[in-house]
């Protein structure tokens, strides 16, 4: 779980939704990301006008896979994920993924992509700065 240390913080920023490459919505967002249970899990609490999630990330030693478990008002999902080249990548389906990483300004971002006609197209992006 130490590889995910780059995610830990109290983050404030902006959540942007794209439609056909154009900004369709932009709202303030806040998320607290912390370790719990002796650093065996990462907990993400995301709050914005568009989305509220409580997410648990853990690493399964048996199958050597991270799992991203987002809880929302609609329920919960269990999604496989991997840490690769300094980024945490969640594969929610064959045509949809979420990518978490640090920015050059010592910030943090998450963005989502959909596979459309053989190309990955960004449909949302959250950019944050640490307020700790």
N, C-alpha and C. Protein backbone atom coordinates (compact mmCIF):
# COMPACT_ATOMS: atom_id res chain seq x y z
N UNK A 1 0.82 -1.20 0.00
CA UNK A 1 0.00 0.00 0.00
C UNK A 1 0.86 1.26 0.00
N UNK A 2 2.15 1.12 0.33
CA UNK A 2 3.05 2.28 0.36
C UNK A 2 3.15 2.96 -1.00
N UNK A 3 2.96 2.21 -2.08
CA UNK A 3 3.03 2.80 -3.42
C UNK A 3 1.95 3.86 -3.63
N UNK A 4 0.88 3.77 -2.87
CA UNK A 4 -0.23 4.71 -3.02
C UNK A 4 -0.08 5.93 -2.12
N UNK A 5 1.07 6.09 -1.48
CA UNK A 5 1.31 7.21 -0.58
C UNK A 5 1.09 8.57 -1.27
N UNK A 6 1.32 8.63 -2.58
CA UNK A 6 1.15 9.89 -3.32
C UNK A 6 -0.29 10.40 -3.29
N UNK A 7 -1.24 9.52 -2.96
CA UNK A 7 -2.65 9.90 -2.94
C UNK A 7 -3.08 10.51 -1.60
N UNK A 8 -2.33 10.25 -0.55
CA UNK A 8 -2.74 10.61 0.80
C UNK A 8 -2.73 12.13 0.98
N UNK A 9 -3.82 12.68 1.52
CA UNK A 9 -3.90 14.12 1.77
C UNK A 9 -5.33 14.59 1.91
N UNK A 10 -5.46 15.86 2.24
CA UNK A 10 -6.74 16.55 2.24
C UNK A 10 -6.73 17.46 1.02
N UNK A 11 -7.50 17.11 0.03
CA UNK A 11 -7.42 17.74 -1.28
C UNK A 11 -8.64 18.60 -1.56
N UNK A 12 -8.41 19.80 -2.08
CA UNK A 12 -9.50 20.68 -2.50
C UNK A 12 -9.22 21.12 -3.94
N UNK A 13 -10.28 21.19 -4.74
CA UNK A 13 -10.06 21.57 -6.14
C UNK A 13 -11.34 21.64 -6.93
N UNK A 14 -11.24 21.23 -8.18
CA UNK A 14 -12.33 21.37 -9.14
C UNK A 14 -12.58 20.06 -9.86
N UNK A 15 -13.84 19.73 -10.03
CA UNK A 15 -14.26 18.57 -10.80
C UNK A 15 -14.86 19.07 -12.11
N UNK A 16 -14.32 18.58 -13.22
CA UNK A 16 -14.75 19.02 -14.55
C UNK A 16 -15.29 17.83 -15.34
N UNK A 17 -16.44 18.01 -15.97
CA UNK A 17 -17.05 16.99 -16.82
C UNK A 17 -16.97 17.47 -18.26
N UNK A 18 -16.57 16.55 -19.16
CA UNK A 18 -16.44 16.88 -20.58
C UNK A 18 -17.50 16.14 -21.39
N UNK A 19 -17.99 16.82 -22.42
CA UNK A 19 -18.91 16.22 -23.38
C UNK A 19 -18.39 16.56 -24.76
N UNK A 20 -17.97 15.53 -25.48
CA UNK A 20 -17.39 15.70 -26.82
C UNK A 20 -16.21 16.67 -26.82
N UNK A 21 -15.38 16.55 -25.78
CA UNK A 21 -14.18 17.37 -25.70
C UNK A 21 -14.37 18.76 -25.14
N UNK A 22 -15.61 19.15 -24.86
CA UNK A 22 -15.90 20.48 -24.33
C UNK A 22 -16.32 20.37 -22.86
N UNK A 23 -15.97 21.38 -22.07
CA UNK A 23 -16.38 21.41 -20.66
C UNK A 23 -17.90 21.58 -20.59
N UNK A 24 -18.57 20.63 -19.93
CA UNK A 24 -20.03 20.75 -19.80
C UNK A 24 -20.43 21.15 -18.38
N UNK A 25 -19.61 20.78 -17.37
CA UNK A 25 -19.88 21.16 -15.98
C UNK A 25 -18.55 21.31 -15.26
N UNK A 26 -18.54 22.22 -14.30
CA UNK A 26 -17.35 22.40 -13.47
C UNK A 26 -17.81 22.83 -12.08
N UNK A 27 -17.43 22.06 -11.05
CA UNK A 27 -17.88 22.34 -9.68
C UNK A 27 -16.71 22.17 -8.70
N UNK A 28 -16.79 22.83 -7.55
CA UNK A 28 -15.77 22.62 -6.51
C UNK A 28 -15.86 21.18 -5.98
N UNK A 29 -14.73 20.65 -5.55
CA UNK A 29 -14.68 19.29 -5.02
C UNK A 29 -13.69 19.21 -3.88
N UNK A 30 -13.93 18.28 -2.97
CA UNK A 30 -13.05 18.04 -1.84
C UNK A 30 -12.93 16.54 -1.65
N UNK A 31 -11.71 16.09 -1.35
CA UNK A 31 -11.57 14.70 -0.97
C UNK A 31 -10.47 14.52 0.05
N UNK A 32 -10.77 13.66 0.99
CA UNK A 32 -9.80 13.28 2.01
C UNK A 32 -9.39 11.85 1.69
N UNK A 33 -8.08 11.64 1.57
CA UNK A 33 -7.58 10.30 1.29
C UNK A 33 -6.60 9.95 2.40
N UNK A 34 -6.86 8.82 3.06
CA UNK A 34 -6.04 8.43 4.21
C UNK A 34 -5.88 6.92 4.29
N UNK A 35 -4.87 6.53 5.03
CA UNK A 35 -4.70 5.12 5.35
C UNK A 35 -5.59 4.78 6.54
N UNK A 36 -5.94 3.49 6.65
CA UNK A 36 -6.65 3.00 7.83
C UNK A 36 -6.23 1.54 8.05
N UNK A 37 -6.62 1.01 9.20
CA UNK A 37 -6.33 -0.38 9.56
C UNK A 37 -4.85 -0.70 9.39
N UNK A 38 -4.01 0.07 10.08
CA UNK A 38 -2.56 -0.13 10.05
C UNK A 38 -1.99 -0.10 8.63
N UNK A 39 -2.49 0.83 7.84
CA UNK A 39 -2.07 1.03 6.45
C UNK A 39 -2.36 -0.17 5.53
N UNK A 40 -3.35 -0.97 5.89
CA UNK A 40 -3.72 -2.09 5.03
C UNK A 40 -4.76 -1.69 3.99
N UNK A 41 -5.40 -0.52 4.19
CA UNK A 41 -6.35 0.00 3.21
C UNK A 41 -6.15 1.50 3.04
N UNK A 42 -6.62 2.02 1.91
CA UNK A 42 -6.69 3.46 1.66
C UNK A 42 -8.18 3.80 1.58
N UNK A 43 -8.56 4.88 2.26
CA UNK A 43 -9.95 5.33 2.28
C UNK A 43 -10.04 6.68 1.56
N UNK A 44 -10.94 6.77 0.59
CA UNK A 44 -11.18 8.02 -0.15
C UNK A 44 -12.60 8.50 0.17
N UNK A 45 -12.70 9.74 0.62
CA UNK A 45 -14.00 10.37 0.84
C UNK A 45 -14.09 11.55 -0.11
N UNK A 46 -14.89 11.41 -1.16
CA UNK A 46 -15.04 12.43 -2.19
C UNK A 46 -16.38 13.13 -2.04
N UNK A 47 -16.34 14.48 -2.09
CA UNK A 47 -17.57 15.27 -1.99
C UNK A 47 -17.56 16.37 -3.05
N UNK A 48 -18.61 16.40 -3.87
CA UNK A 48 -18.85 17.49 -4.81
C UNK A 48 -20.35 17.55 -5.07
N UNK A 49 -20.78 18.57 -5.79
CA UNK A 49 -22.20 18.67 -6.16
C UNK A 49 -22.60 17.53 -7.09
N UNK A 50 -21.64 17.00 -7.84
CA UNK A 50 -21.93 15.99 -8.84
C UNK A 50 -21.84 14.56 -8.30
N UNK A 51 -21.01 14.35 -7.27
CA UNK A 51 -20.75 12.98 -6.84
C UNK A 51 -20.28 12.96 -5.40
N UNK A 52 -20.76 11.97 -4.66
CA UNK A 52 -20.27 11.68 -3.32
C UNK A 52 -19.94 10.20 -3.28
N UNK A 53 -18.68 9.90 -2.94
CA UNK A 53 -18.22 8.52 -2.87
C UNK A 53 -17.45 8.28 -1.59
N UNK A 54 -17.56 7.07 -1.09
CA UNK A 54 -16.71 6.58 -0.01
C UNK A 54 -16.07 5.33 -0.59
N UNK A 55 -14.76 5.37 -0.79
CA UNK A 55 -14.07 4.30 -1.51
C UNK A 55 -13.02 3.65 -0.63
N UNK A 56 -12.92 2.34 -0.72
CA UNK A 56 -11.91 1.56 -0.01
C UNK A 56 -11.02 0.89 -1.06
N UNK A 57 -9.70 1.07 -0.91
CA UNK A 57 -8.74 0.41 -1.79
C UNK A 57 -7.92 -0.56 -0.93
N UNK A 58 -7.75 -1.77 -1.42
CA UNK A 58 -6.89 -2.72 -0.72
C UNK A 58 -6.13 -3.56 -1.75
N UNK A 59 -5.08 -4.21 -1.26
CA UNK A 59 -4.26 -5.07 -2.12
C UNK A 59 -4.46 -6.51 -1.68
N UNK A 60 -4.85 -7.37 -2.60
CA UNK A 60 -5.05 -8.78 -2.31
C UNK A 60 -3.76 -9.53 -2.62
N UNK A 61 -3.09 -9.98 -1.58
CA UNK A 61 -1.81 -10.71 -1.74
C UNK A 61 -1.99 -12.00 -2.54
N UNK A 62 -3.12 -12.65 -2.36
CA UNK A 62 -3.37 -13.94 -3.03
C UNK A 62 -3.37 -13.81 -4.55
N UNK A 63 -4.10 -12.82 -5.06
CA UNK A 63 -4.15 -12.67 -6.53
C UNK A 63 -3.32 -11.50 -7.05
N UNK A 64 -2.52 -10.88 -6.15
CA UNK A 64 -1.59 -9.81 -6.54
C UNK A 64 -2.28 -8.67 -7.30
N UNK A 65 -3.44 -8.26 -6.78
CA UNK A 65 -4.25 -7.23 -7.44
C UNK A 65 -4.76 -6.22 -6.41
N UNK A 66 -4.75 -4.94 -6.80
CA UNK A 66 -5.44 -3.93 -6.01
C UNK A 66 -6.92 -4.01 -6.35
N UNK A 67 -7.76 -3.67 -5.37
CA UNK A 67 -9.19 -3.56 -5.63
C UNK A 67 -9.68 -2.19 -5.15
N UNK A 68 -10.46 -1.56 -6.01
CA UNK A 68 -11.03 -0.23 -5.79
C UNK A 68 -12.52 -0.47 -5.58
N UNK A 69 -13.01 -0.15 -4.38
CA UNK A 69 -14.40 -0.43 -4.01
C UNK A 69 -15.14 0.87 -3.70
N UNK A 70 -15.77 1.50 -4.71
CA UNK A 70 -16.50 2.74 -4.47
C UNK A 70 -17.92 2.46 -3.95
N UNK A 71 -18.27 3.12 -2.84
CA UNK A 71 -19.61 3.05 -2.28
C UNK A 71 -20.31 4.37 -2.60
N UNK A 72 -21.54 4.28 -3.11
CA UNK A 72 -22.34 5.47 -3.36
C UNK A 72 -23.77 5.18 -2.92
N UNK A 73 -24.64 6.15 -3.12
CA UNK A 73 -26.05 5.93 -2.79
C UNK A 73 -26.66 4.80 -3.61
N UNK A 74 -26.06 4.51 -4.76
CA UNK A 74 -26.58 3.45 -5.65
C UNK A 74 -26.04 2.08 -5.31
N UNK A 75 -25.03 1.99 -4.41
CA UNK A 75 -24.49 0.69 -4.06
C UNK A 75 -22.97 0.69 -4.08
N UNK A 76 -22.40 -0.49 -4.29
CA UNK A 76 -20.95 -0.66 -4.27
C UNK A 76 -20.52 -1.52 -5.45
N UNK A 77 -19.28 -1.30 -5.88
CA UNK A 77 -18.68 -2.14 -6.92
C UNK A 77 -17.29 -2.56 -6.46
N UNK A 78 -16.78 -3.64 -7.01
CA UNK A 78 -15.43 -4.10 -6.74
C UNK A 78 -14.70 -4.13 -8.08
N UNK A 79 -13.71 -3.21 -8.22
CA UNK A 79 -13.05 -3.04 -9.51
C UNK A 79 -11.56 -3.34 -9.39
N UNK A 80 -11.00 -4.11 -10.32
CA UNK A 80 -9.56 -4.37 -10.28
C UNK A 80 -8.76 -3.12 -10.66
N UNK A 81 -7.58 -3.02 -10.08
CA UNK A 81 -6.74 -1.85 -10.35
C UNK A 81 -5.27 -2.27 -10.30
N UNK A 82 -4.40 -1.35 -10.79
CA UNK A 82 -2.97 -1.62 -10.76
C UNK A 82 -2.21 -0.32 -10.53
N UNK A 83 -1.01 -0.46 -9.99
CA UNK A 83 -0.10 0.67 -9.85
C UNK A 83 0.93 0.50 -10.95
N UNK A 84 1.05 1.52 -11.82
CA UNK A 84 1.95 1.41 -12.95
C UNK A 84 2.52 2.79 -13.28
N UNK A 85 3.84 2.87 -13.36
CA UNK A 85 4.53 4.11 -13.75
C UNK A 85 4.09 5.32 -12.92
N UNK A 86 3.95 5.13 -11.60
CA UNK A 86 3.61 6.24 -10.71
C UNK A 86 2.13 6.61 -10.70
N UNK A 87 1.30 5.81 -11.35
CA UNK A 87 -0.13 6.10 -11.39
C UNK A 87 -0.91 4.90 -10.88
N UNK A 88 -2.08 5.18 -10.32
CA UNK A 88 -3.01 4.14 -9.90
C UNK A 88 -4.12 4.10 -10.93
N UNK A 89 -4.29 2.95 -11.57
CA UNK A 89 -5.23 2.82 -12.69
C UNK A 89 -6.31 1.81 -12.34
N UNK A 90 -7.56 2.28 -12.37
CA UNK A 90 -8.71 1.44 -12.06
C UNK A 90 -9.40 1.10 -13.37
N UNK A 91 -9.58 -0.19 -13.60
CA UNK A 91 -10.25 -0.65 -14.83
C UNK A 91 -11.68 -1.01 -14.49
N UNK A 92 -12.60 -0.06 -14.73
CA UNK A 92 -13.99 -0.33 -14.37
C UNK A 92 -14.71 -1.19 -15.41
N UNK A 93 -14.15 -1.25 -16.62
CA UNK A 93 -14.66 -2.15 -17.67
C UNK A 93 -13.61 -2.18 -18.77
N UNK A 94 -13.88 -2.91 -19.83
CA UNK A 94 -12.94 -2.96 -20.97
C UNK A 94 -12.88 -1.62 -21.69
N UNK A 95 -13.89 -0.77 -21.48
CA UNK A 95 -13.96 0.50 -22.20
C UNK A 95 -13.98 1.72 -21.28
N UNK A 96 -13.68 1.53 -20.00
CA UNK A 96 -13.72 2.64 -19.06
C UNK A 96 -12.64 2.46 -17.99
N UNK A 97 -11.93 3.56 -17.67
CA UNK A 97 -10.90 3.48 -16.63
C UNK A 97 -10.77 4.84 -15.93
N UNK A 98 -10.24 4.78 -14.69
CA UNK A 98 -9.95 5.96 -13.89
C UNK A 98 -8.45 5.95 -13.60
N UNK A 99 -7.80 7.10 -13.70
CA UNK A 99 -6.36 7.19 -13.50
C UNK A 99 -6.07 8.27 -12.45
N UNK A 100 -5.33 7.88 -11.42
CA UNK A 100 -4.95 8.76 -10.32
C UNK A 100 -3.45 9.03 -10.41
N UNK A 101 -3.04 10.28 -10.24
CA UNK A 101 -1.62 10.60 -10.27
C UNK A 101 -1.33 11.98 -9.70
N UNK A 102 -0.06 12.23 -9.45
CA UNK A 102 0.38 13.55 -8.99
C UNK A 102 0.60 14.44 -10.20
N UNK A 103 0.50 15.75 -9.98
CA UNK A 103 0.76 16.70 -11.04
C UNK A 103 2.10 17.37 -10.78
N UNK A 104 2.63 18.04 -11.77
CA UNK A 104 3.94 18.69 -11.64
C UNK A 104 3.91 19.82 -10.61
N UNK A 105 2.75 20.36 -10.30
CA UNK A 105 2.62 21.43 -9.32
C UNK A 105 2.46 20.88 -7.91
N UNK A 106 2.86 19.62 -7.70
CA UNK A 106 2.72 18.93 -6.42
C UNK A 106 1.25 18.79 -6.02
N UNK A 107 0.40 18.73 -7.00
CA UNK A 107 -1.02 18.52 -6.79
C UNK A 107 -1.38 17.07 -7.06
N UNK A 108 -2.66 16.84 -7.18
CA UNK A 108 -3.18 15.50 -7.37
C UNK A 108 -4.33 15.58 -8.36
N UNK A 109 -4.44 14.58 -9.22
CA UNK A 109 -5.57 14.58 -10.14
C UNK A 109 -6.06 13.17 -10.37
N UNK A 110 -7.32 13.12 -10.72
CA UNK A 110 -7.95 11.88 -11.15
C UNK A 110 -8.71 12.21 -12.42
N UNK A 111 -8.64 11.33 -13.38
CA UNK A 111 -9.45 11.53 -14.57
C UNK A 111 -9.99 10.20 -15.06
N UNK A 112 -11.10 10.30 -15.79
CA UNK A 112 -11.74 9.12 -16.35
C UNK A 112 -11.68 9.16 -17.85
N UNK A 113 -11.50 7.97 -18.44
CA UNK A 113 -11.46 7.85 -19.90
C UNK A 113 -12.38 6.73 -20.35
N UNK A 114 -12.95 6.95 -21.53
CA UNK A 114 -13.77 5.92 -22.20
C UNK A 114 -13.13 5.59 -23.53
N UNK A 115 -13.17 4.34 -23.90
CA UNK A 115 -12.66 3.91 -25.19
C UNK A 115 -13.74 4.13 -26.25
N UNK A 116 -13.48 5.07 -27.17
CA UNK A 116 -14.44 5.43 -28.21
C UNK A 116 -13.74 5.29 -29.56
N UNK A 117 -14.24 4.41 -30.40
CA UNK A 117 -13.66 4.19 -31.73
C UNK A 117 -12.15 3.93 -31.66
N UNK A 118 -11.74 3.12 -30.67
CA UNK A 118 -10.33 2.73 -30.56
C UNK A 118 -9.42 3.75 -29.89
N UNK A 119 -9.98 4.89 -29.42
CA UNK A 119 -9.17 5.92 -28.76
C UNK A 119 -9.73 6.21 -27.37
N UNK A 120 -8.81 6.42 -26.40
CA UNK A 120 -9.23 6.79 -25.05
C UNK A 120 -9.58 8.29 -25.04
N UNK A 121 -10.82 8.59 -24.59
CA UNK A 121 -11.33 9.96 -24.55
C UNK A 121 -11.66 10.32 -23.10
N UNK A 122 -11.12 11.45 -22.63
CA UNK A 122 -11.36 11.91 -21.26
C UNK A 122 -12.79 12.42 -21.13
N UNK A 123 -13.49 11.94 -20.08
CA UNK A 123 -14.86 12.42 -19.85
C UNK A 123 -15.02 13.14 -18.52
N UNK A 124 -14.02 13.03 -17.62
CA UNK A 124 -14.01 13.88 -16.44
C UNK A 124 -12.58 14.02 -15.94
N UNK A 125 -12.35 15.10 -15.17
CA UNK A 125 -11.05 15.31 -14.57
C UNK A 125 -11.23 16.11 -13.28
N UNK A 126 -10.62 15.61 -12.21
CA UNK A 126 -10.62 16.30 -10.92
C UNK A 126 -9.19 16.72 -10.62
N UNK A 127 -8.98 18.01 -10.39
CA UNK A 127 -7.65 18.55 -10.06
C UNK A 127 -7.70 19.12 -8.64
N UNK A 128 -6.70 18.73 -7.84
CA UNK A 128 -6.69 19.10 -6.43
C UNK A 128 -5.34 19.64 -5.99
N UNK A 129 -5.40 20.43 -4.89
CA UNK A 129 -4.20 20.87 -4.16
C UNK A 129 -4.39 20.42 -2.73
N UNK A 130 -3.28 20.05 -2.08
CA UNK A 130 -3.33 19.59 -0.70
C UNK A 130 -3.49 20.77 0.25
N UNK A 131 -4.42 20.69 1.18
CA UNK A 131 -4.66 21.78 2.12
C UNK A 131 -4.16 21.46 3.53
N UNK A 132 -3.35 20.41 3.65
CA UNK A 132 -2.81 20.05 4.98
C UNK A 132 -1.84 21.07 5.49
